[in-house]
Amino acid sequence: MVAIETFISTHSTYAVTSRDGWTMTGNKGGHMAQHEHTIVVTDHKPIILTEKNEIWE
């Protein structure tokens, strides 16, 4: 299983984890969003577990 996590930012080039170990902010400020897809790697077609999360609808 593989998790692909993308970060999209208006100004920053890196995501920085805060001291709480959970909160992430951008290194240069601005707005930042994160999205994840979890994929099962098989011998044939991959199975995208998060495909039905309606993010694109």
PDB file of N, CA and C in Angstrom:
ATOM      1  N   MET A   1       0.850  -1.170   0.000  1.00  0.00           N
ATOM      2  CA  MET A   1       0.000   0.000   0.000  1.00  0.00           C
ATOM      3  C   MET A   1       0.898   1.236   0.000  1.00  0.00           C
ATOM      4  N   VAL A   2       0.470   2.236  -0.750  1.00  0.00           N
ATOM      5  CA  VAL A   2       1.227   3.478  -0.878  1.00  0.00           C
ATOM      6  C   VAL A   2       0.276   4.642  -0.633  1.00  0.00           C
ATOM      7  N   ALA A   3       0.722   5.637   0.105  1.00  0.00           N
ATOM      8  CA  ALA A   3      -0.055   6.866   0.293  1.00  0.00           C
ATOM      9  C   ALA A   3       0.676   7.999  -0.416  1.00  0.00           C
ATOM     10  N   ILE A   4      -0.014   8.659  -1.326  1.00  0.00           N
ATOM     11  CA  ILE A   4       0.548   9.803  -2.040  1.00  0.00           C
ATOM     12  C   ILE A   4      -0.122  11.046  -1.478  1.00  0.00           C
ATOM     13  N   GLU A   5       0.683  11.898  -0.851  1.00  0.00           N
ATOM     14  CA  GLU A   5       0.155  13.108  -0.225  1.00  0.00           C
ATOM     15  C   GLU A   5       0.694  14.329  -0.956  1.00  0.00           C
ATOM     16  N   THR A   6      -0.194  15.065  -1.579  1.00  0.00           N
ATOM     17  CA  THR A   6       0.220  16.283  -2.271  1.00  0.00           C
ATOM     18  C   THR A   6      -0.080  17.504  -1.402  1.00  0.00           C
ATOM     19  N   PHE A   7       0.790  18.482  -1.473  1.00  0.00           N
ATOM     20  CA  PHE A   7       0.608  19.750  -0.790  1.00  0.00           C
ATOM     21  C   PHE A   7       0.602  20.841  -1.842  1.00  0.00           C
ATOM     22  N   ILE A   8      -0.414  21.669  -1.816  1.00  0.00           N
ATOM     23  CA  ILE A   8      -0.539  22.772  -2.759  1.00  0.00           C
ATOM     24  C   ILE A   8      -0.466  24.058  -1.954  1.00  0.00           C
ATOM     25  N   SER A   9       0.389  24.976  -2.384  1.00  0.00           N
ATOM     26  CA  SER A   9       0.599  26.202  -1.615  1.00  0.00           C
ATOM     27  C   SER A   9       0.591  27.427  -2.519  1.00  0.00           C
ATOM     28  N   THR A  10       0.152  28.542  -1.958  1.00  0.00           N
ATOM     29  CA  THR A  10       0.159  29.792  -2.707  1.00  0.00           C
ATOM     30  C   THR A  10       1.527  30.488  -2.667  1.00  0.00           C
ATOM     31  N   HIS A  11       2.331  30.251  -1.619  1.00  0.00           N
ATOM     32  CA  HIS A  11       3.620  30.933  -1.504  1.00  0.00           C
ATOM     33  C   HIS A  11       4.769  30.001  -1.112  1.00  0.00           C
ATOM     34  N   SER A  12       4.501  29.024  -0.293  1.00  0.00           N
ATOM     35  CA  SER A  12       5.560  28.208   0.306  1.00  0.00           C
ATOM     36  C   SER A  12       6.081  27.137  -0.639  1.00  0.00           C
ATOM     37  N   THR A  13       7.302  26.701  -0.363  1.00  0.00           N
ATOM     38  CA  THR A  13       7.922  25.630  -1.133  1.00  0.00           C
ATOM     39  C   THR A  13       8.070  24.350  -0.314  1.00  0.00           C
ATOM     40  N   TYR A  14       7.910  24.435   1.015  1.00  0.00           N
ATOM     41  CA  TYR A  14       8.009  23.272   1.898  1.00  0.00           C
ATOM     42  C   TYR A  14       6.908  23.313   2.943  1.00  0.00           C
ATOM     43  N   ALA A  15       6.452  22.136   3.337  1.00  0.00           N
ATOM     44  CA  ALA A  15       5.511  22.012   4.446  1.00  0.00           C
ATOM     45  C   ALA A  15       6.328  21.767   5.713  1.00  0.00           C
ATOM     46  N   VAL A  16       6.034  22.516   6.758  1.00  0.00           N
ATOM     47  CA  VAL A  16       6.771  22.423   8.018  1.00  0.00           C
ATOM     48  C   VAL A  16       5.825  21.915   9.105  1.00  0.00           C
ATOM     49  N   THR A  17       6.236  20.866   9.822  1.00  0.00           N
ATOM     50  CA  THR A  17       5.424  20.308  10.908  1.00  0.00           C
ATOM     51  C   THR A  17       5.650  21.110  12.177  1.00  0.00           C
ATOM     52  N   SER A  18       4.552  21.521  12.819  1.00  0.00           N
ATOM     53  CA  SER A  18       4.634  22.282  14.072  1.00  0.00           C
ATOM     54  C   SER A  18       5.053  21.380  15.225  1.00  0.00           C
ATOM     55  N   ARG A  19       5.324  21.986  16.368  1.00  0.00           N
ATOM     56  CA  ARG A  19       5.774  21.232  17.545  1.00  0.00           C
ATOM     57  C   ARG A  19       4.768  20.201  18.042  1.00  0.00           C
ATOM     58  N   ASP A  20       3.480  20.411  17.718  1.00  0.00           N
ATOM     59  CA  ASP A  20       2.481  19.434  18.169  1.00  0.00           C
ATOM     60  C   ASP A  20       2.567  18.119  17.391  1.00  0.00           C
ATOM     61  N   GLY A  21       3.411  18.072  16.355  1.00  0.00           N
ATOM     62  CA  GLY A  21       3.614  16.849  15.587  1.00  0.00           C
ATOM     63  C   GLY A  21       2.516  16.563  14.573  1.00  0.00           C
ATOM     64  N   TRP A  22       1.555  17.465  14.437  1.00  0.00           N
ATOM     65  CA  TRP A  22       0.410  17.234  13.562  1.00  0.00           C
ATOM     66  C   TRP A  22       0.146  18.396  12.603  1.00  0.00           C
ATOM     67  N   THR A  23       0.123  19.608  13.131  1.00  0.00           N
ATOM     68  CA  THR A  23      -0.194  20.794  12.343  1.00  0.00           C
ATOM     69  C   THR A  23       0.940  21.093  11.366  1.00  0.00           C
ATOM     70  N   MET A  24       0.559  21.377  10.118  1.00  0.00           N
ATOM     71  CA  MET A  24       1.568  21.728   9.118  1.00  0.00           C
ATOM     72  C   MET A  24       1.277  23.120   8.570  1.00  0.00           C
ATOM     73  N   THR A  25       2.321  23.881   8.386  1.00  0.00           N
ATOM     74  CA  THR A  25       2.221  25.218   7.796  1.00  0.00           C
ATOM     75  C   THR A  25       3.267  25.318   6.693  1.00  0.00           C
ATOM     76  N   GLY A  26       3.140  26.342   5.871  1.00  0.00           N
ATOM     77  CA  GLY A  26       4.119  26.561   4.819  1.00  0.00           C
ATOM     78  C   GLY A  26       5.319  27.321   5.350  1.00  0.00           C
ATOM     79  N   ASN A  27       6.490  27.069   4.782  1.00  0.00           N
ATOM     80  CA  ASN A  27       7.714  27.724   5.244  1.00  0.00           C
ATOM     81  C   ASN A  27       7.772  29.203   4.881  1.00  0.00           C
ATOM     82  N   LYS A  28       6.938  29.659   3.926  1.00  0.00           N
ATOM     83  CA  LYS A  28       6.939  31.064   3.523  1.00  0.00           C
ATOM     84  C   LYS A  28       5.566  31.714   3.680  1.00  0.00           C
ATOM     85  N   GLY A  29       4.675  31.089   4.446  1.00  0.00           N
ATOM     86  CA  GLY A  29       3.342  31.639   4.652  1.00  0.00           C
ATOM     87  C   GLY A  29       2.408  31.334   3.501  1.00  0.00           C
ATOM     88  N   GLY A  30       1.324  32.068   3.423  1.00  0.00           N
ATOM     89  CA  GLY A  30       0.320  31.832   2.388  1.00  0.00           C
ATOM     90  C   GLY A  30      -0.649  30.736   2.807  1.00  0.00           C
ATOM     91  N   HIS A  31      -1.449  30.299   1.875  1.00  0.00           N
ATOM     92  CA  HIS A  31      -2.425  29.234   2.126  1.00  0.00           C
ATOM     93  C   HIS A  31      -1.846  27.908   1.654  1.00  0.00           C
ATOM     94  N   MET A  32      -2.217  26.825   2.352  1.00  0.00           N
ATOM     95  CA  MET A  32      -1.719  25.514   1.984  1.00  0.00           C
ATOM     96  C   MET A  32      -2.837  24.495   2.171  1.00  0.00           C
ATOM     97  N   ALA A  33      -2.927  23.552   1.258  1.00  0.00           N
ATOM     98  CA  ALA A  33      -3.909  22.470   1.356  1.00  0.00           C
ATOM     99  C   ALA A  33      -3.198  21.145   1.096  1.00  0.00           C
ATOM    100  N   GLN A  34      -3.733  20.076   1.682  1.00  0.00           N
ATOM    101  CA  GLN A  34      -3.152  18.746   1.523  1.00  0.00           C
ATOM    102  C   GLN A  34      -4.246  17.783   1.099  1.00  0.00           C
ATOM    103  N   HIS A  35      -3.906  16.879   0.194  1.00  0.00           N
ATOM    104  CA  HIS A  35      -4.833  15.833  -0.240  1.00  0.00           C
ATOM    105  C   HIS A  35      -4.058  14.526  -0.354  1.00  0.00           C
ATOM    106  N   GLU A  36      -4.723  13.438  -0.045  1.00  0.00           N
ATOM    107  CA  GLU A  36      -4.037  12.141  -0.048  1.00  0.00           C
ATOM    108  C   GLU A  36      -4.842  11.118  -0.837  1.00  0.00           C
ATOM    109  N   HIS A  37      -4.125  10.279  -1.558  1.00  0.00           N
ATOM    110  CA  HIS A  37      -4.707   9.086  -2.176  1.00  0.00           C
ATOM    111  C   HIS A  37      -3.963   7.885  -1.617  1.00  0.00           C
ATOM    112  N   THR A  38      -4.694   6.849  -1.262  1.00  0.00           N
ATOM    113  CA  THR A  38      -4.095   5.606  -0.799  1.00  0.00           C
ATOM    114  C   THR A  38      -4.301   4.562  -1.881  1.00  0.00           C
ATOM    115  N   ILE A  39      -3.212   3.934  -2.304  1.00  0.00           N
ATOM    116  CA  ILE A  39      -3.222   3.016  -3.438  1.00  0.00           C
ATOM    117  C   ILE A  39      -2.654   1.666  -3.023  1.00  0.00           C
ATOM    118  N   VAL A  40      -3.339   0.582  -3.416  1.00  0.00           N
ATOM    119  CA  VAL A  40      -2.830  -0.768  -3.214  1.00  0.00           C
ATOM    120  C   VAL A  40      -2.133  -1.168  -4.505  1.00  0.00           C
ATOM    121  N   VAL A  41      -0.865  -1.528  -4.409  1.00  0.00           N
ATOM    122  CA  VAL A  41      -0.092  -1.955  -5.567  1.00  0.00           C
ATOM    123  C   VAL A  41      -0.323  -3.452  -5.769  1.00  0.00           C
ATOM    124  N   THR A  42      -0.743  -3.832  -6.972  1.00  0.00           N
ATOM    125  CA  THR A  42      -0.979  -5.241  -7.291  1.00  0.00           C
ATOM    126  C   THR A  42      -0.121  -5.630  -8.492  1.00  0.00           C
ATOM    127  N   ASP A  43      -0.170  -6.885  -8.881  1.00  0.00           N
ATOM    128  CA  ASP A  43       0.550  -7.345 -10.073  1.00  0.00           C
ATOM    129  C   ASP A  43      -0.089  -6.821 -11.355  1.00  0.00           C
ATOM    130  N   HIS A  44      -1.319  -6.371 -11.266  1.00  0.00           N
ATOM    131  CA  HIS A  44      -2.038  -5.901 -12.443  1.00  0.00           C
ATOM    132  C   HIS A  44      -2.436  -4.443 -12.253  1.00  0.00           C
ATOM    133  N   LYS A  45      -3.696  -4.167 -12.227  1.00  0.00           N
ATOM    134  CA  LYS A  45      -4.190  -2.795 -12.090  1.00  0.00           C
ATOM    135  C   LYS A  45      -4.147  -2.353 -10.621  1.00  0.00           C
ATOM    136  N   PRO A  46      -3.647  -1.131 -10.331  1.00  0.00           N
ATOM    137  CA  PRO A  46      -3.650  -0.649  -8.946  1.00  0.00           C
ATOM    138  C   PRO A  46      -5.077  -0.410  -8.459  1.00  0.00           C
ATOM    139  N   ILE A  47      -5.263  -0.527  -7.159  1.00  0.00           N
ATOM    140  CA  ILE A  47      -6.562  -0.271  -6.544  1.00  0.00           C
ATOM    141  C   ILE A  47      -6.447   1.038  -5.765  1.00  0.00           C
ATOM    142  N   ILE A  48      -7.190   2.055  -6.169  1.00  0.00           N
ATOM    143  CA  ILE A  48      -7.156   3.348  -5.484  1.00  0.00           C
ATOM    144  C   ILE A  48      -8.254   3.338  -4.423  1.00  0.00           C
ATOM    145  N   LEU A  49      -7.853   3.200  -3.169  1.00  0.00           N
ATOM    146  CA  LEU A  49      -8.817   3.088  -2.075  1.00  0.00           C
ATOM    147  C   LEU A  49      -9.601   4.375  -1.838  1.00  0.00           C
ATOM    148  N   THR A  50      -9.010   5.507  -2.150  1.00  0.00           N
ATOM    149  CA  THR A  50      -9.659   6.798  -1.902  1.00  0.00           C
ATOM    150  C   THR A  50     -10.349   7.339  -3.149  1.00  0.00           C
ATOM    151  N   GLU A  51     -10.525   6.521  -4.164  1.00  0.00           N
ATOM    152  CA  GLU A  51     -11.109   6.972  -5.426  1.00  0.00           C
ATOM    153  C   GLU A  51     -12.537   7.480  -5.249  1.00  0.00           C
ATOM    154  N   LYS A  52     -13.266   6.972  -4.316  1.00  0.00           N
ATOM    155  CA  LYS A  52     -14.670   7.336  -4.118  1.00  0.00           C
ATOM    156  C   LYS A  52     -14.862   8.411  -3.051  1.00  0.00           C
ATOM    157  N   ASN A  53     -13.850   9.228  -2.796  1.00  0.00           N
ATOM    158  CA  ASN A  53     -13.983  10.239  -1.743  1.00  0.00           C
ATOM    159  C   ASN A  53     -14.650  11.525  -2.230  1.00  0.00           C
ATOM    160  N   GLU A  54     -15.100  11.553  -3.477  1.00  0.00           N
ATOM    161  CA  GLU A  54     -15.858  12.669  -4.066  1.00  0.00           C
ATOM    162  C   GLU A  54     -15.105  13.993  -4.106  1.00  0.00           C
ATOM    163  N   ILE A  55     -13.770  13.947  -4.022  1.00  0.00           N
ATOM    164  CA  ILE A  55     -12.983  15.189  -4.043  1.00  0.00           C
ATOM    165  C   ILE A  55     -13.127  15.905  -5.386  1.00  0.00           C
ATOM    166  N   TRP A  56     -13.397  15.193  -6.465  1.00  0.00           N
ATOM    167  CA  TRP A  56     -13.456  15.796  -7.795  1.00  0.00           C
ATOM    168  C   TRP A  56     -14.880  16.142  -8.211  1.00  0.00           C
ATOM    169  N   GLU A  57     -15.873  15.867  -7.365  1.00  0.00           N
ATOM    170  CA  GLU A  57     -17.273  16.131  -7.737  1.00  0.00           C
ATOM    171  C   GLU A  57     -17.804  17.396  -7.089  1.00  0.00           C
TER     172      GLU A  57
END
